[in-house]
């Protein structure tokens, strides 16, 4: 997965667990794509201080994911919903047996429920 996308997903899921100062700096770096120097000047801290804070936030967010696996589960469910969508597209195009389609969708939905 793209590093920026991964950082954004981790922040979406666990960002509220950071302090308001951490959130502000991390958002500027990851979501607004500001440089360390720009953030340091705006926040009145050193460039190294911003770098250290961003690294600590990243480690904290990764630690939450290691323990809770919410992003992993989200991506897995998203993939399975995509599979269901693909099955329904096949059915619309080919007019396959509805019982077969229902069975395939039920297997995928059971897998989703297992993950949750």
C-alpha atoms as a PDB file:
ATOM      1  CA  UNK A   1       0.000   0.000   0.000  1.00  0.00           C
ATOM      2  CA  UNK A   2       1.201   3.520  -0.751  1.00  0.00           C
ATOM      3  CA  UNK A   3       2.906   5.048   2.324  1.00  0.00           C
ATOM      4  CA  UNK A   4       0.863   8.275   2.190  1.00  0.00           C
ATOM      5  CA  UNK A   5      -2.397   6.321   1.894  1.00  0.00           C
ATOM      6  CA  UNK A   6      -1.336   4.095   4.787  1.00  0.00           C
ATOM      7  CA  UNK A   7      -0.526   7.132   6.956  1.00  0.00           C
ATOM      8  CA  UNK A   8      -3.860   8.746   6.087  1.00  0.00           C
ATOM      9  CA  UNK A   9      -5.804   5.572   6.918  1.00  0.00           C
ATOM     10  CA  UNK A  10      -3.992   5.159  10.222  1.00  0.00           C
ATOM     11  CA  UNK A  11      -4.779   8.773  11.045  1.00  0.00           C
ATOM     12  CA  UNK A  12      -8.437   8.355  10.042  1.00  0.00           C
ATOM     13  CA  UNK A  13      -8.839   5.412  12.382  1.00  0.00           C
ATOM     14  CA  UNK A  14      -6.627   6.410  15.310  1.00  0.00           C
ATOM     15  CA  UNK A  15      -5.989  10.146  14.986  1.00  0.00           C
ATOM     16  CA  UNK A  16      -8.381  11.023  17.780  1.00  0.00           C
ATOM     17  CA  UNK A  17      -6.055   9.208  20.174  1.00  0.00           C
ATOM     18  CA  UNK A  18      -3.328  11.815  19.563  1.00  0.00           C
ATOM     19  CA  UNK A  19      -3.132  15.090  21.479  1.00  0.00           C
ATOM     20  CA  UNK A  20      -4.445  18.203  19.751  1.00  0.00           C
ATOM     21  CA  UNK A  21      -0.867  19.436  19.185  1.00  0.00           C
ATOM     22  CA  UNK A  22       0.175  16.095  17.699  1.00  0.00           C
ATOM     23  CA  UNK A  23      -2.899  16.043  15.459  1.00  0.00           C
ATOM     24  CA  UNK A  24      -2.240  19.552  14.185  1.00  0.00           C
ATOM     25  CA  UNK A  25       1.399  18.847  13.271  1.00  0.00           C
ATOM     26  CA  UNK A  26       0.669  15.389  11.830  1.00  0.00           C
ATOM     27  CA  UNK A  27      -2.207  16.709   9.694  1.00  0.00           C
ATOM     28  CA  UNK A  28      -0.001  19.458   8.298  1.00  0.00           C
ATOM     29  CA  UNK A  29       2.722  16.982   7.394  1.00  0.00           C
ATOM     30  CA  UNK A  30       0.665  14.071   6.069  1.00  0.00           C
ATOM     31  CA  UNK A  31      -2.632  15.503   4.888  1.00  0.00           C
ATOM     32  CA  UNK A  32      -1.624  19.027   3.872  1.00  0.00           C
ATOM     33  CA  UNK A  33       1.815  17.921   2.593  1.00  0.00           C
ATOM     34  CA  UNK A  34       3.674  20.827   4.212  1.00  0.00           C
ATOM     35  CA  UNK A  35       7.434  20.564   4.623  1.00  0.00           C
ATOM     36  CA  UNK A  36       9.072  20.133   8.011  1.00  0.00           C
ATOM     37  CA  UNK A  37      10.489  23.652   7.694  1.00  0.00           C
ATOM     38  CA  UNK A  38       7.082  25.179   6.938  1.00  0.00           C
ATOM     39  CA  UNK A  39       5.500  23.420   9.900  1.00  0.00           C
ATOM     40  CA  UNK A  40       8.410  24.349  12.201  1.00  0.00           C
ATOM     41  CA  UNK A  41       8.158  28.011  11.256  1.00  0.00           C
ATOM     42  CA  UNK A  42       4.388  28.060  11.769  1.00  0.00           C
ATOM     43  CA  UNK A  43       4.538  26.183  15.101  1.00  0.00           C
ATOM     44  CA  UNK A  44       7.570  28.045  16.432  1.00  0.00           C
ATOM     45  CA  UNK A  45       9.624  24.897  16.968  1.00  0.00           C
ATOM     46  CA  UNK A  46      12.707  23.455  15.302  1.00  0.00           C
ATOM     47  CA  UNK A  47      12.594  21.404  12.130  1.00  0.00           C
ATOM     48  CA  UNK A  48      14.079  18.502  14.132  1.00  0.00           C
ATOM     49  CA  UNK A  49      11.319  18.914  16.713  1.00  0.00           C
ATOM     50  CA  UNK A  50       8.682  18.583  13.990  1.00  0.00           C
ATOM     51  CA  UNK A  51      10.464  15.542  12.545  1.00  0.00           C
ATOM     52  CA  UNK A  52      10.609  13.861  15.955  1.00  0.00           C
ATOM     53  CA  UNK A  53       6.955  14.616  16.665  1.00  0.00           C
ATOM     54  CA  UNK A  54       5.838  13.218  13.296  1.00  0.00           C
ATOM     55  CA  UNK A  55       7.899  10.050  13.888  1.00  0.00           C
ATOM     56  CA  UNK A  56       6.420   9.591  17.383  1.00  0.00           C
ATOM     57  CA  UNK A  57       2.901  10.046  16.013  1.00  0.00           C
ATOM     58  CA  UNK A  58       3.572   7.534  13.239  1.00  0.00           C
ATOM     59  CA  UNK A  59       4.909   4.982  15.720  1.00  0.00           C
ATOM     60  CA  UNK A  60       1.914   5.526  18.007  1.00  0.00           C
ATOM     61  CA  UNK A  61      -0.565   5.089  15.139  1.00  0.00           C
ATOM     62  CA  UNK A  62       1.242   1.961  13.929  1.00  0.00           C
ATOM     63  CA  UNK A  63       1.212   0.623  17.495  1.00  0.00           C
ATOM     64  CA  UNK A  64      -2.550   1.077  17.711  1.00  0.00           C
ATOM     65  CA  UNK A  65      -2.958  -0.781  14.409  1.00  0.00           C
ATOM     66  CA  UNK A  66      -0.704  -3.603  15.626  1.00  0.00           C
ATOM     67  CA  UNK A  67      -2.965  -4.064  18.628  1.00  0.00           C
ATOM     68  CA  UNK A  68      -6.398  -3.389  17.119  1.00  0.00           C
ATOM     69  CA  UNK A  69      -6.100  -4.236  13.379  1.00  0.00           C
ATOM     70  CA  UNK A  70      -8.930  -1.858  12.439  1.00  0.00           C
ATOM     71  CA  UNK A  71      -7.327  -0.692   9.177  1.00  0.00           C
ATOM     72  CA  UNK A  72      -6.536  -4.282   8.203  1.00  0.00           C
ATOM     73  CA  UNK A  73     -10.135  -5.339   8.843  1.00  0.00           C
ATOM     74  CA  UNK A  74     -11.483  -2.303   6.985  1.00  0.00           C
ATOM     75  CA  UNK A  75      -9.369  -3.070   3.894  1.00  0.00           C
ATOM     76  CA  UNK A  76     -10.379  -6.731   3.979  1.00  0.00           C
ATOM     77  CA  UNK A  77     -14.082  -5.900   4.211  1.00  0.00           C
ATOM     78  CA  UNK A  78     -13.686  -3.320   1.430  1.00  0.00           C
ATOM     79  CA  UNK A  79     -12.124  -5.993  -0.804  1.00  0.00           C
ATOM     80  CA  UNK A  80     -14.924  -8.445  -0.071  1.00  0.00           C
ATOM     81  CA  UNK A  81     -17.602  -5.859  -0.824  1.00  0.00           C
ATOM     82  CA  UNK A  82     -15.794  -5.288  -4.133  1.00  0.00           C
ATOM     83  CA  UNK A  83     -16.031  -9.035  -4.795  1.00  0.00           C
ATOM     84  CA  UNK A  84     -19.776  -8.936  -4.128  1.00  0.00           C
ATOM     85  CA  UNK A  85     -20.100  -6.012  -6.512  1.00  0.00           C
ATOM     86  CA  UNK A  86     -18.186  -7.969  -9.156  1.00  0.00           C
ATOM     87  CA  UNK A  87     -20.446 -10.992  -8.715  1.00  0.00           C
ATOM     88  CA  UNK A  88     -23.515  -8.815  -9.151  1.00  0.00           C
ATOM     89  CA  UNK A  89     -21.998  -7.271 -12.299  1.00  0.00           C
ATOM     90  CA  UNK A  90     -21.423 -10.784 -13.703  1.00  0.00           C
ATOM     91  CA  UNK A  91     -25.014 -11.690 -12.916  1.00  0.00           C
ATOM     92  CA  UNK A  92     -26.355  -8.590 -14.653  1.00  0.00           C
ATOM     93  CA  UNK A  93     -24.260  -9.292 -17.754  1.00  0.00           C
ATOM     94  CA  UNK A  94     -24.545 -13.064 -17.990  1.00  0.00           C
ATOM     95  CA  UNK A  95     -27.905 -13.729 -16.374  1.00  0.00           C
ATOM     96  CA  UNK A  96     -26.418 -16.532 -14.289  1.00  0.00           C
ATOM     97  CA  UNK A  97     -28.425 -18.750 -11.997  1.00  0.00           C
ATOM     98  CA  UNK A  98     -29.658 -16.624  -9.049  1.00  0.00           C
ATOM     99  CA  UNK A  99     -29.106 -19.520  -6.633  1.00  0.00           C
ATOM    100  CA  UNK A 100     -25.407 -19.641  -7.549  1.00  0.00           C
ATOM    101  CA  UNK A 101     -25.092 -15.877  -7.119  1.00  0.00           C
ATOM    102  CA  UNK A 102     -26.860 -15.962  -3.757  1.00  0.00           C
ATOM    103  CA  UNK A 103     -24.593 -18.768  -2.590  1.00  0.00           C
ATOM    104  CA  UNK A 104     -21.411 -16.902  -3.604  1.00  0.00           C
ATOM    105  CA  UNK A 105     -22.565 -13.673  -1.958  1.00  0.00           C
ATOM    106  CA  UNK A 106     -23.589 -15.520   1.199  1.00  0.00           C
ATOM    107  CA  UNK A 107     -20.098 -17.087   1.484  1.00  0.00           C
ATOM    108  CA  UNK A 108     -18.475 -13.669   1.188  1.00  0.00           C
ATOM    109  CA  UNK A 109     -20.888 -12.060   3.657  1.00  0.00           C
ATOM    110  CA  UNK A 110     -20.202 -14.876   6.124  1.00  0.00           C
ATOM    111  CA  UNK A 111     -16.467 -14.168   5.793  1.00  0.00           C
ATOM    112  CA  UNK A 112     -17.094 -10.473   6.463  1.00  0.00           C
ATOM    113  CA  UNK A 113     -19.108 -11.263   9.584  1.00  0.00           C
ATOM    114  CA  UNK A 114     -16.332 -13.595  10.794  1.00  0.00           C
ATOM    115  CA  UNK A 115     -13.794 -10.771  10.518  1.00  0.00           C
ATOM    116  CA  UNK A 116     -15.913  -8.363  12.482  1.00  0.00           C
END
